[in-house]
Amino acid sequence: MLARRAHGTLHTMCGRYTPHMTQRFAVLGWGSLLWDDAHPDFNAQIGAWQYDGPKVPVEFSRISQSRHGALTLVLDPEHGPAIEVAWTLSKRDELGSAIEDLQKREGTTRAKIGYVHGREQQARLPNIANTIRTWSAAHNFDGVVWTDLDSNFETKKAQVFSVQNARAHLDGLSEQAKAAARLYIRSAPQFIQTPLRAALADFVA
């Protein structure tokens, strides 16, 4: 077969082989990434959501300032059940750009975006990162990024997170804040089934 190399790219009679193939990055989601359409710039950089992601523990255990005190979903191995979360394919082919898209969407710092990429990783919870890496390899991704915010309930409330304490927090919110909290819980994907969500059926009704 005839072949020649030009400018670092090998050309053959069958087509073109490029040593540096396009990389594929998955973005994980379990909360407002899936339903909040107020971020068109982010949504323009991802594909359709799929629902066979890795199983990771999540719970509504973070008090969100931007949502007026609503309890939002975060990775929480202490309180959350392992749930098969959603994923989407980033349209970026460079890790830094995929991270930056998610960072801007979440309004957080780069340190709060988790990722695995080959042997590299940034993760608050190494065991969960290992789970995600295994899933990534099985799906032939080059890397995965996710929001890595933690539960701040104990810090904010000076009490441990529990279903009872979380309900008391929600009951103590203003009517405007309760409306924001109800919207977030109602809008969460149906695959999100946690102890707190089950206990809040009457709150969101």
N, C-alpha and C. Protein backbone atom coordinates (compact mmCIF):
# COMPACT_ATOMS: atom_id res chain seq x y z
N MET A 1 0.85 -1.19 0.00
CA MET A 1 0.00 0.00 0.00
C MET A 1 0.88 1.24 0.00
N LEU A 2 0.59 2.18 -0.89
CA LEU A 2 1.37 3.38 -0.95
C LEU A 2 1.07 4.24 0.26
N ALA A 3 2.11 4.88 0.78
CA ALA A 3 1.91 5.75 1.93
C ALA A 3 2.98 6.80 1.95
N ARG A 4 2.67 7.96 2.46
CA ARG A 4 3.69 8.98 2.65
C ARG A 4 3.31 9.81 3.88
N ARG A 5 4.30 10.37 4.54
CA ARG A 5 4.06 11.17 5.74
C ARG A 5 4.27 12.63 5.40
N ALA A 6 3.31 13.46 5.80
CA ALA A 6 3.42 14.89 5.53
C ALA A 6 2.94 15.67 6.74
N HIS A 7 3.82 16.51 7.26
CA HIS A 7 3.48 17.37 8.39
C HIS A 7 2.91 16.58 9.56
N GLY A 8 3.50 15.44 9.84
CA GLY A 8 3.11 14.67 11.01
C GLY A 8 1.89 13.82 10.82
N THR A 9 1.31 13.79 9.63
CA THR A 9 0.11 12.99 9.38
C THR A 9 0.42 11.96 8.31
N LEU A 10 0.05 10.72 8.52
CA LEU A 10 0.30 9.65 7.57
C LEU A 10 -0.87 9.54 6.61
N HIS A 11 -0.58 9.73 5.30
CA HIS A 11 -1.60 9.61 4.27
C HIS A 11 -1.45 8.26 3.58
N THR A 12 -2.54 7.55 3.33
CA THR A 12 -2.50 6.28 2.64
C THR A 12 -3.52 6.30 1.51
N MET A 13 -3.45 5.26 0.68
CA MET A 13 -4.42 5.16 -0.40
C MET A 13 -5.84 4.93 0.14
N CYS A 14 -5.93 4.48 1.37
CA CYS A 14 -7.25 4.19 1.96
C CYS A 14 -7.83 5.38 2.70
N GLY A 15 -7.08 6.46 2.79
CA GLY A 15 -7.60 7.61 3.52
C GLY A 15 -6.51 8.26 4.34
N ARG A 16 -6.88 8.83 5.43
CA ARG A 16 -5.95 9.58 6.25
C ARG A 16 -5.95 9.05 7.67
N TYR A 17 -4.77 8.83 8.21
CA TYR A 17 -4.63 8.42 9.61
C TYR A 17 -4.01 9.57 10.37
N THR A 18 -4.68 10.01 11.40
CA THR A 18 -4.17 11.10 12.23
C THR A 18 -3.80 10.54 13.59
N PRO A 19 -2.55 10.68 14.01
CA PRO A 19 -2.11 10.10 15.29
C PRO A 19 -2.93 10.58 16.47
N HIS A 20 -3.32 11.85 16.50
CA HIS A 20 -4.04 12.40 17.64
C HIS A 20 -5.53 12.42 17.31
N MET A 21 -6.20 11.34 17.64
CA MET A 21 -7.62 11.22 17.34
C MET A 21 -8.42 12.13 18.27
N THR A 22 -9.62 12.49 17.84
CA THR A 22 -10.50 13.32 18.66
C THR A 22 -10.86 12.59 19.94
N GLN A 23 -10.77 13.31 21.05
CA GLN A 23 -11.10 12.71 22.34
C GLN A 23 -12.59 12.89 22.65
N ARG A 24 -13.13 11.95 23.41
CA ARG A 24 -14.55 11.96 23.77
C ARG A 24 -14.67 12.09 25.28
N PHE A 25 -15.44 13.09 25.71
CA PHE A 25 -15.63 13.34 27.14
C PHE A 25 -17.11 13.29 27.49
N ALA A 26 -17.43 12.53 28.53
CA ALA A 26 -18.80 12.46 29.04
C ALA A 26 -18.97 13.46 30.18
N VAL A 27 -20.16 14.00 30.30
CA VAL A 27 -20.54 14.87 31.41
C VAL A 27 -21.63 14.16 32.19
N LEU A 28 -21.44 13.98 33.49
CA LEU A 28 -22.46 13.32 34.30
C LEU A 28 -23.46 14.33 34.83
N GLY A 29 -24.71 13.87 35.01
CA GLY A 29 -25.74 14.75 35.55
C GLY A 29 -26.75 13.98 36.37
N TRP A 30 -27.29 14.64 37.38
CA TRP A 30 -28.33 14.03 38.22
C TRP A 30 -29.32 15.08 38.74
N GLY A 31 -28.98 16.36 38.56
CA GLY A 31 -29.85 17.42 39.07
C GLY A 31 -30.30 18.38 37.99
N SER A 32 -30.09 19.67 38.23
CA SER A 32 -30.65 20.69 37.35
C SER A 32 -30.01 20.73 35.97
N LEU A 33 -28.86 20.10 35.78
CA LEU A 33 -28.28 20.04 34.44
C LEU A 33 -29.26 19.43 33.45
N LEU A 34 -30.13 18.55 33.94
CA LEU A 34 -31.04 17.83 33.05
C LEU A 34 -32.32 18.60 32.74
N TRP A 35 -32.66 19.60 33.56
CA TRP A 35 -33.97 20.22 33.35
C TRP A 35 -33.98 21.75 33.34
N ASP A 36 -32.97 22.37 33.86
CA ASP A 36 -32.95 23.83 33.93
C ASP A 36 -32.40 24.40 32.62
N ASP A 37 -33.26 25.02 31.83
CA ASP A 37 -32.88 25.53 30.51
C ASP A 37 -32.38 26.97 30.53
N ALA A 38 -32.02 27.46 31.70
CA ALA A 38 -31.58 28.85 31.82
C ALA A 38 -30.11 29.06 31.43
N HIS A 39 -29.49 28.01 30.88
CA HIS A 39 -28.06 28.10 30.57
C HIS A 39 -27.82 27.63 29.13
N PRO A 40 -28.26 28.40 28.15
CA PRO A 40 -28.16 27.96 26.75
C PRO A 40 -26.73 27.76 26.27
N ASP A 41 -25.78 28.52 26.80
CA ASP A 41 -24.39 28.37 26.37
C ASP A 41 -23.86 26.97 26.71
N PHE A 42 -24.21 26.49 27.90
CA PHE A 42 -23.80 25.14 28.29
C PHE A 42 -24.53 24.10 27.46
N ASN A 43 -25.83 24.27 27.33
CA ASN A 43 -26.62 23.28 26.60
C ASN A 43 -26.18 23.15 25.15
N ALA A 44 -25.63 24.22 24.60
CA ALA A 44 -25.17 24.17 23.21
C ALA A 44 -23.93 23.32 23.04
N GLN A 45 -23.25 23.00 24.15
CA GLN A 45 -22.00 22.25 24.08
C GLN A 45 -22.14 20.79 24.49
N ILE A 46 -23.38 20.32 24.63
CA ILE A 46 -23.60 18.93 25.00
C ILE A 46 -24.63 18.29 24.07
N GLY A 47 -24.67 16.97 24.08
CA GLY A 47 -25.65 16.24 23.29
C GLY A 47 -26.87 15.89 24.11
N ALA A 48 -27.60 14.88 23.65
CA ALA A 48 -28.80 14.43 24.36
C ALA A 48 -28.39 13.63 25.60
N TRP A 49 -29.22 13.72 26.63
CA TRP A 49 -28.94 12.98 27.86
C TRP A 49 -29.27 11.50 27.69
N GLN A 50 -28.41 10.67 28.23
CA GLN A 50 -28.59 9.22 28.25
C GLN A 50 -28.69 8.79 29.72
N TYR A 51 -29.28 7.63 29.96
CA TYR A 51 -29.63 7.29 31.34
C TYR A 51 -29.01 5.98 31.83
N ASP A 52 -27.85 5.67 31.32
CA ASP A 52 -27.14 4.47 31.76
C ASP A 52 -25.74 4.81 32.24
N GLY A 53 -25.66 5.83 33.07
CA GLY A 53 -24.38 6.27 33.61
C GLY A 53 -23.92 5.41 34.76
N PRO A 54 -22.84 5.79 35.41
CA PRO A 54 -22.35 5.03 36.56
C PRO A 54 -23.28 5.16 37.76
N LYS A 55 -23.20 4.19 38.65
CA LYS A 55 -23.98 4.24 39.89
C LYS A 55 -23.17 4.96 40.95
N VAL A 56 -23.68 6.11 41.39
CA VAL A 56 -23.01 6.92 42.41
C VAL A 56 -24.02 7.36 43.45
N PRO A 57 -23.59 7.60 44.69
CA PRO A 57 -24.52 7.97 45.76
C PRO A 57 -24.86 9.46 45.73
N VAL A 58 -26.15 9.77 45.67
CA VAL A 58 -26.58 11.17 45.66
C VAL A 58 -27.74 11.36 46.64
N GLU A 59 -27.82 12.57 47.18
CA GLU A 59 -28.94 12.93 48.05
C GLU A 59 -29.12 14.45 48.01
N PHE A 60 -30.31 14.89 48.37
CA PHE A 60 -30.62 16.33 48.45
C PHE A 60 -30.05 16.87 49.77
N SER A 61 -28.77 17.02 49.84
CA SER A 61 -28.16 17.36 51.13
C SER A 61 -27.29 18.61 51.10
N ARG A 62 -27.43 19.43 50.06
CA ARG A 62 -26.69 20.68 50.01
C ARG A 62 -27.67 21.85 50.04
N ILE A 63 -27.44 22.80 50.93
CA ILE A 63 -28.24 24.01 51.01
C ILE A 63 -27.72 24.99 49.97
N SER A 64 -28.57 25.31 49.01
CA SER A 64 -28.15 26.14 47.89
C SER A 64 -28.48 27.61 48.13
N GLN A 65 -27.47 28.45 48.12
CA GLN A 65 -27.69 29.88 48.27
C GLN A 65 -28.40 30.46 47.05
N SER A 66 -28.01 30.01 45.87
CA SER A 66 -28.60 30.56 44.64
C SER A 66 -30.06 30.16 44.48
N ARG A 67 -30.48 29.09 45.16
CA ARG A 67 -31.88 28.65 45.09
C ARG A 67 -32.61 28.93 46.41
N HIS A 68 -32.15 29.96 47.11
CA HIS A 68 -32.84 30.49 48.30
C HIS A 68 -32.97 29.48 49.43
N GLY A 69 -31.99 28.61 49.57
CA GLY A 69 -32.01 27.65 50.68
C GLY A 69 -32.58 26.29 50.32
N ALA A 70 -32.95 26.09 49.06
CA ALA A 70 -33.42 24.77 48.63
C ALA A 70 -32.34 23.73 48.85
N LEU A 71 -32.76 22.50 49.05
CA LEU A 71 -31.82 21.40 49.19
C LEU A 71 -31.58 20.79 47.81
N THR A 72 -30.32 20.75 47.40
CA THR A 72 -30.00 20.29 46.06
C THR A 72 -29.17 19.00 46.11
N LEU A 73 -29.12 18.34 44.97
CA LEU A 73 -28.48 17.03 44.88
C LEU A 73 -26.97 17.15 44.75
N VAL A 74 -26.27 16.36 45.55
CA VAL A 74 -24.82 16.28 45.47
C VAL A 74 -24.38 14.84 45.72
N LEU A 75 -23.15 14.55 45.34
CA LEU A 75 -22.58 13.25 45.70
C LEU A 75 -22.45 13.18 47.21
N ASP A 76 -23.05 12.16 47.81
CA ASP A 76 -23.08 12.06 49.27
C ASP A 76 -23.08 10.59 49.67
N PRO A 77 -21.89 9.99 49.80
CA PRO A 77 -21.83 8.56 50.13
C PRO A 77 -22.32 8.22 51.53
N GLU A 78 -22.40 9.20 52.40
CA GLU A 78 -22.86 8.94 53.77
C GLU A 78 -24.38 8.80 53.84
N HIS A 79 -25.09 9.55 53.01
CA HIS A 79 -26.55 9.58 53.13
C HIS A 79 -27.30 9.14 51.88
N GLY A 80 -26.62 9.12 50.74
CA GLY A 80 -27.32 8.85 49.49
C GLY A 80 -27.19 7.43 49.00
N PRO A 81 -28.22 6.88 48.40
CA PRO A 81 -28.14 5.55 47.80
C PRO A 81 -27.41 5.63 46.46
N ALA A 82 -26.83 4.52 46.04
CA ALA A 82 -26.18 4.46 44.73
C ALA A 82 -27.24 4.44 43.64
N ILE A 83 -27.17 5.39 42.74
CA ILE A 83 -28.17 5.56 41.69
C ILE A 83 -27.46 5.64 40.34
N GLU A 84 -28.03 4.97 39.35
CA GLU A 84 -27.50 5.05 37.99
C GLU A 84 -27.88 6.42 37.42
N VAL A 85 -26.89 7.29 37.27
CA VAL A 85 -27.16 8.67 36.88
C VAL A 85 -27.10 8.83 35.36
N ALA A 86 -27.37 10.05 34.91
CA ALA A 86 -27.39 10.35 33.48
C ALA A 86 -26.02 10.84 33.00
N TRP A 87 -25.84 10.80 31.71
CA TRP A 87 -24.62 11.34 31.11
C TRP A 87 -24.95 11.91 29.73
N THR A 88 -24.10 12.79 29.27
CA THR A 88 -24.21 13.32 27.93
C THR A 88 -22.81 13.48 27.37
N LEU A 89 -22.71 13.52 26.06
CA LEU A 89 -21.42 13.67 25.41
C LEU A 89 -21.12 15.14 25.20
N SER A 90 -19.99 15.60 25.74
CA SER A 90 -19.56 16.97 25.49
C SER A 90 -19.16 17.12 24.03
N LYS A 91 -19.43 18.27 23.46
CA LYS A 91 -18.99 18.56 22.10
C LYS A 91 -17.54 19.02 22.05
N ARG A 92 -16.93 19.14 23.20
CA ARG A 92 -15.52 19.53 23.28
C ARG A 92 -14.64 18.30 23.11
N ASP A 93 -13.47 18.51 22.54
CA ASP A 93 -12.53 17.40 22.40
C ASP A 93 -11.25 17.67 23.18
N GLU A 94 -11.34 18.59 24.15
CA GLU A 94 -10.21 18.91 25.02
C GLU A 94 -10.74 19.02 26.44
N LEU A 95 -10.05 18.36 27.36
CA LEU A 95 -10.53 18.26 28.74
C LEU A 95 -10.77 19.62 29.38
N GLY A 96 -9.83 20.53 29.22
CA GLY A 96 -9.95 21.83 29.85
C GLY A 96 -11.21 22.57 29.43
N SER A 97 -11.58 22.44 28.17
CA SER A 97 -12.79 23.12 27.68
C SER A 97 -14.05 22.48 28.25
N ALA A 98 -14.06 21.15 28.36
CA ALA A 98 -15.22 20.47 28.95
C ALA A 98 -15.38 20.86 30.42
N ILE A 99 -14.26 20.97 31.12
CA ILE A 99 -14.30 21.39 32.52
C ILE A 99 -14.81 22.83 32.63
N GLU A 100 -14.30 23.70 31.78
CA GLU A 100 -14.69 25.11 31.83
C GLU A 100 -16.17 25.29 31.55
N ASP A 101 -16.71 24.54 30.59
CA ASP A 101 -18.15 24.63 30.31
C ASP A 101 -18.97 24.32 31.55
N LEU A 102 -18.63 23.22 32.23
CA LEU A 102 -19.39 22.82 33.41
C LEU A 102 -19.16 23.78 34.57
N GLN A 103 -17.94 24.25 34.71
CA GLN A 103 -17.63 25.22 35.77
C GLN A 103 -18.47 26.48 35.63
N LYS A 104 -18.54 27.02 34.42
CA LYS A 104 -19.33 28.22 34.19
C LYS A 104 -20.82 27.94 34.41
N ARG A 105 -21.28 26.79 33.95
CA ARG A 105 -22.70 26.44 34.13
C ARG A 105 -23.06 26.38 35.60
N GLU A 106 -22.18 25.84 36.41
CA GLU A 106 -22.46 25.68 37.84
C GLU A 106 -22.11 26.91 38.66
N GLY A 107 -21.44 27.87 38.07
CA GLY A 107 -21.07 29.07 38.80
C GLY A 107 -20.15 28.78 39.97
N THR A 108 -19.20 27.90 39.74
CA THR A 108 -18.31 27.47 40.82
C THR A 108 -16.86 27.59 40.37
N THR A 109 -15.96 27.09 41.17
CA THR A 109 -14.54 27.13 40.86
C THR A 109 -14.12 25.85 40.16
N ARG A 110 -12.98 25.90 39.50
CA ARG A 110 -12.47 24.72 38.80
C ARG A 110 -12.23 23.57 39.78
N ALA A 111 -11.88 23.90 41.02
CA ALA A 111 -11.62 22.87 42.03
C ALA A 111 -12.87 22.06 42.37
N LYS A 112 -14.04 22.60 42.06
CA LYS A 112 -15.30 21.91 42.36
C LYS A 112 -15.83 21.10 41.18
N ILE A 113 -15.02 20.95 40.15
CA ILE A 113 -15.37 20.10 39.03
C ILE A 113 -14.48 18.86 39.07
N GLY A 114 -15.10 17.71 39.23
CA GLY A 114 -14.34 16.47 39.25
C GLY A 114 -14.10 15.96 37.85
N TYR A 115 -13.03 15.21 37.69
CA TYR A 115 -12.78 14.59 36.38
C TYR A 115 -11.87 13.39 36.53
N VAL A 116 -11.98 12.49 35.58
CA VAL A 116 -11.00 11.43 35.36
C VAL A 116 -10.60 11.51 33.90
N HIS A 117 -9.32 11.31 33.66
CA HIS A 117 -8.78 11.41 32.29
C HIS A 117 -7.50 10.59 32.27
N GLY A 118 -7.61 9.37 31.75
CA GLY A 118 -6.46 8.48 31.83
C GLY A 118 -6.13 8.19 33.29
N ARG A 119 -4.88 8.39 33.66
CA ARG A 119 -4.47 8.18 35.04
C ARG A 119 -4.66 9.43 35.90
N GLU A 120 -5.02 10.53 35.25
CA GLU A 120 -5.21 11.78 35.98
C GLU A 120 -6.63 11.84 36.55
N GLN A 121 -6.75 12.50 37.68
CA GLN A 121 -8.09 12.72 38.22
C GLN A 121 -8.08 13.89 39.19
N GLN A 122 -9.23 14.49 39.34
CA GLN A 122 -9.49 15.46 40.39
C GLN A 122 -10.83 15.08 40.98
N ALA A 123 -10.82 14.68 42.23
CA ALA A 123 -12.05 14.16 42.82
C ALA A 123 -12.00 14.30 44.33
N ARG A 124 -13.12 14.73 44.87
CA ARG A 124 -13.26 14.84 46.32
C ARG A 124 -13.35 13.45 46.96
N LEU A 125 -13.90 12.49 46.21
CA LEU A 125 -14.16 11.15 46.72
C LEU A 125 -13.48 10.13 45.81
N PRO A 126 -12.27 9.68 46.15
CA PRO A 126 -11.52 8.78 45.27
C PRO A 126 -12.25 7.50 44.91
N ASN A 127 -13.01 6.92 45.84
CA ASN A 127 -13.74 5.69 45.54
C ASN A 127 -14.77 5.90 44.43
N ILE A 128 -15.45 7.05 44.48
CA ILE A 128 -16.42 7.35 43.43
C ILE A 128 -15.70 7.61 42.12
N ALA A 129 -14.55 8.27 42.17
CA ALA A 129 -13.76 8.48 40.95
C ALA A 129 -13.38 7.15 40.31
N ASN A 130 -13.05 6.15 41.13
CA ASN A 130 -12.70 4.83 40.59
C ASN A 130 -13.91 4.19 39.89
N THR A 131 -15.08 4.35 40.50
CA THR A 131 -16.30 3.83 39.87
C THR A 131 -16.54 4.49 38.52
N ILE A 132 -16.36 5.80 38.49
CA ILE A 132 -16.58 6.55 37.26
C ILE A 132 -15.54 6.17 36.20
N ARG A 133 -14.30 5.97 36.62
CA ARG A 133 -13.25 5.59 35.68
C ARG A 133 -13.55 4.23 35.04
N THR A 134 -14.00 3.29 35.86
CA THR A 134 -14.34 1.96 35.34
C THR A 134 -15.47 2.06 34.33
N TRP A 135 -16.49 2.85 34.64
CA TRP A 135 -17.61 3.05 33.71
C TRP A 135 -17.12 3.71 32.43
N SER A 136 -16.26 4.71 32.58
CA SER A 136 -15.73 5.43 31.42
C SER A 136 -14.99 4.50 30.48
N ALA A 137 -14.15 3.64 31.03
CA ALA A 137 -13.39 2.70 30.20
C ALA A 137 -14.31 1.74 29.46
N ALA A 138 -15.36 1.29 30.16
CA ALA A 138 -16.30 0.35 29.53
C ALA A 138 -17.07 0.98 28.38
N HIS A 139 -17.19 2.32 28.39
CA HIS A 139 -17.92 3.02 27.35
C HIS A 139 -16.99 3.75 26.38
N ASN A 140 -15.70 3.48 26.50
CA ASN A 140 -14.71 4.01 25.54
C ASN A 140 -14.64 5.53 25.53
N PHE A 141 -14.82 6.14 26.69
CA PHE A 141 -14.60 7.58 26.79
C PHE A 141 -13.14 7.84 27.16
N ASP A 142 -12.64 8.99 26.74
CA ASP A 142 -11.30 9.39 27.14
C ASP A 142 -11.29 10.02 28.53
N GLY A 143 -12.44 10.54 28.93
CA GLY A 143 -12.54 11.16 30.24
C GLY A 143 -13.98 11.47 30.59
N VAL A 144 -14.19 11.82 31.84
CA VAL A 144 -15.53 12.16 32.36
C VAL A 144 -15.39 13.36 33.28
N VAL A 145 -16.34 14.27 33.24
CA VAL A 145 -16.37 15.41 34.16
C VAL A 145 -17.70 15.42 34.89
N TRP A 146 -17.69 15.97 36.10
CA TRP A 146 -18.93 16.04 36.88
C TRP A 146 -18.82 17.15 37.91
N THR A 147 -19.95 17.60 38.41
CA THR A 147 -19.99 18.59 39.48
C THR A 147 -19.65 17.91 40.80
N ASP A 148 -18.65 18.45 41.50
CA ASP A 148 -18.16 17.77 42.70
C ASP A 148 -18.39 18.60 43.97
N LEU A 149 -19.53 19.26 44.03
CA LEU A 149 -19.91 19.98 45.25
C LEU A 149 -20.23 18.97 46.35
N ASP A 150 -20.03 19.38 47.59
CA ASP A 150 -20.28 18.49 48.72
C ASP A 150 -21.52 18.91 49.49
N SER A 151 -21.93 18.05 50.41
CA SER A 151 -23.02 18.40 51.32
C SER A 151 -22.50 19.45 52.31
N ASN A 152 -23.26 20.52 52.47
CA ASN A 152 -22.87 21.56 53.43
C ASN A 152 -23.89 21.70 54.55
N PHE A 153 -24.78 20.73 54.64
CA PHE A 153 -25.89 20.84 55.59
C PHE A 153 -25.39 20.99 57.02
N GLU A 154 -24.47 20.15 57.42
CA GLU A 154 -23.98 20.19 58.80
C GLU A 154 -23.27 21.50 59.09
N THR A 155 -22.52 22.01 58.12
CA THR A 155 -21.83 23.29 58.31
C THR A 155 -22.81 24.44 58.44
N LYS A 156 -23.82 24.45 57.58
CA LYS A 156 -24.78 25.55 57.57
C LYS A 156 -25.74 25.52 58.76
N LYS A 157 -26.12 24.31 59.18
CA LYS A 157 -27.16 24.17 60.20
C LYS A 157 -26.62 23.81 61.58
N ALA A 158 -25.35 23.48 61.67
CA ALA A 158 -24.74 23.04 62.93
C ALA A 158 -25.48 21.83 63.49
N GLN A 159 -25.93 20.96 62.59
CA GLN A 159 -26.55 19.70 62.99
C GLN A 159 -26.36 18.71 61.86
N VAL A 160 -26.40 17.43 62.20
CA VAL A 160 -26.17 16.41 61.19
C VAL A 160 -27.31 16.40 60.19
N PHE A 161 -27.01 15.95 58.98
CA PHE A 161 -28.07 15.79 57.99
C PHE A 161 -28.87 14.54 58.31
N SER A 162 -30.17 14.67 58.30
CA SER A 162 -31.09 13.54 58.44
C SER A 162 -32.38 13.94 57.75
N VAL A 163 -33.23 12.97 57.50
CA VAL A 163 -34.52 13.29 56.88
C VAL A 163 -35.30 14.25 57.77
N GLN A 164 -35.29 14.00 59.07
CA GLN A 164 -36.03 14.86 60.00
C GLN A 164 -35.48 16.28 60.00
N ASN A 165 -34.16 16.42 60.07
CA ASN A 165 -33.55 17.75 60.11
C ASN A 165 -33.71 18.48 58.77
N ALA A 166 -33.64 17.73 57.69
CA ALA A 166 -33.83 18.35 56.38
C ALA A 166 -35.25 18.87 56.22
N ARG A 167 -36.23 18.09 56.68
CA ARG A 167 -37.62 18.54 56.61
C ARG A 167 -37.83 19.79 57.47
N ALA A 168 -37.23 19.82 58.63
CA ALA A 168 -37.36 20.99 59.49
C ALA A 168 -36.76 22.23 58.82
N HIS A 169 -35.66 22.04 58.13
CA HIS A 169 -35.04 23.15 57.40
C HIS A 169 -35.99 23.68 56.34
N LEU A 170 -36.57 22.79 55.56
CA LEU A 170 -37.47 23.21 54.49
C LEU A 170 -38.73 23.88 55.04
N ASP A 171 -39.25 23.34 56.14
CA ASP A 171 -40.45 23.92 56.74
C ASP A 171 -40.19 25.33 57.26
N GLY A 172 -38.94 25.62 57.58
CA GLY A 172 -38.60 26.93 58.13
C GLY A 172 -38.29 27.98 57.09
N LEU A 173 -38.33 27.63 55.82
CA LEU A 173 -38.03 28.59 54.75
C LEU A 173 -39.19 29.54 54.52
N SER A 174 -38.88 30.69 53.92
CA SER A 174 -39.94 31.61 53.52
C SER A 174 -40.78 30.97 52.41
N GLU A 175 -41.92 31.54 52.13
CA GLU A 175 -42.79 30.96 51.09
C GLU A 175 -42.11 30.99 49.73
N GLN A 176 -41.36 32.06 49.44
CA GLN A 176 -40.63 32.14 48.18
C GLN A 176 -39.59 31.04 48.09
N ALA A 177 -38.87 30.83 49.19
CA ALA A 177 -37.84 29.80 49.21
C ALA A 177 -38.44 28.41 49.14
N LYS A 178 -39.58 28.21 49.80
CA LYS A 178 -40.26 26.91 49.71
C LYS A 178 -40.66 26.61 48.27
N ALA A 179 -41.11 27.63 47.55
CA ALA A 179 -41.49 27.43 46.16
C ALA A 179 -40.29 26.98 45.34
N ALA A 180 -39.12 27.58 45.59
CA ALA A 180 -37.89 27.20 44.88
C ALA A 180 -37.49 25.77 45.24
N ALA A 181 -37.66 25.42 46.52
CA ALA A 181 -37.31 24.07 46.97
C ALA A 181 -38.23 23.04 46.34
N ARG A 182 -39.53 23.34 46.28
CA ARG A 182 -40.48 22.41 45.67
C ARG A 182 -40.18 22.22 44.19
N LEU A 183 -39.87 23.31 43.50
CA LEU A 183 -39.57 23.23 42.07
C LEU A 183 -38.37 22.32 41.83
N TYR A 184 -37.34 22.47 42.63
CA TYR A 184 -36.13 21.66 42.43
C TYR A 184 -36.43 20.18 42.65
N ILE A 185 -37.14 19.86 43.70
CA ILE A 185 -37.43 18.46 44.01
C ILE A 185 -38.37 17.86 42.96
N ARG A 186 -39.40 18.61 42.59
CA ARG A 186 -40.34 18.11 41.58
C ARG A 186 -39.64 17.88 40.24
N SER A 187 -38.70 18.75 39.91
CA SER A 187 -38.05 18.70 38.60
C SER A 187 -36.94 17.67 38.53
N ALA A 188 -36.50 17.17 39.65
CA ALA A 188 -35.43 16.17 39.64
C ALA A 188 -35.87 14.97 38.81
N PRO A 189 -34.97 14.36 38.07
CA PRO A 189 -35.34 13.21 37.23
C PRO A 189 -35.98 12.10 38.05
N GLN A 190 -36.86 11.36 37.44
CA GLN A 190 -37.56 10.29 38.15
C GLN A 190 -36.63 9.18 38.62
N PHE A 191 -35.47 9.03 37.97
CA PHE A 191 -34.54 7.99 38.44
C PHE A 191 -33.90 8.36 39.77
N ILE A 192 -34.08 9.60 40.21
CA ILE A 192 -33.55 10.02 41.51
C ILE A 192 -34.56 9.65 42.59
N GLN A 193 -34.31 8.55 43.24
CA GLN A 193 -35.17 8.11 44.34
C GLN A 193 -34.30 7.96 45.59
N THR A 194 -34.46 8.88 46.52
CA THR A 194 -33.64 8.90 47.73
C THR A 194 -34.55 8.90 48.96
N PRO A 195 -34.00 8.62 50.13
CA PRO A 195 -34.83 8.66 51.34
C PRO A 195 -35.51 10.00 51.56
N LEU A 196 -34.82 11.09 51.31
CA LEU A 196 -35.44 12.39 51.55
C LEU A 196 -36.56 12.66 50.55
N ARG A 197 -36.34 12.34 49.30
CA ARG A 197 -37.40 12.58 48.31
C ARG A 197 -38.66 11.80 48.66
N ALA A 198 -38.48 10.58 49.10
CA ALA A 198 -39.63 9.77 49.48
C ALA A 198 -40.38 10.39 50.66
N ALA A 199 -39.63 10.99 51.57
CA ALA A 199 -40.24 11.57 52.77
C ALA A 199 -40.90 12.91 52.50
N LEU A 200 -40.62 13.51 51.34
CA LEU A 200 -41.14 14.84 51.05
C LEU A 200 -42.32 14.83 50.09
N ALA A 201 -42.98 13.70 49.95
CA ALA A 201 -44.12 13.60 49.01
C ALA A 201 -45.18 14.64 49.33
N ASP A 202 -45.48 14.86 50.59
CA ASP A 202 -46.51 15.82 50.97
C ASP A 202 -46.00 17.26 50.81
N PHE A 203 -44.71 17.47 50.99
CA PHE A 203 -44.13 18.81 50.87
C PHE A 203 -44.22 19.31 49.43
N VAL A 204 -44.00 18.44 48.47
CA VAL A 204 -43.99 18.87 47.08
C VAL A 204 -45.37 18.74 46.41
N ALA A 205 -46.33 18.16 47.11
CA ALA A 205 -47.66 17.97 46.52
C ALA A 205 -48.37 19.31 46.28
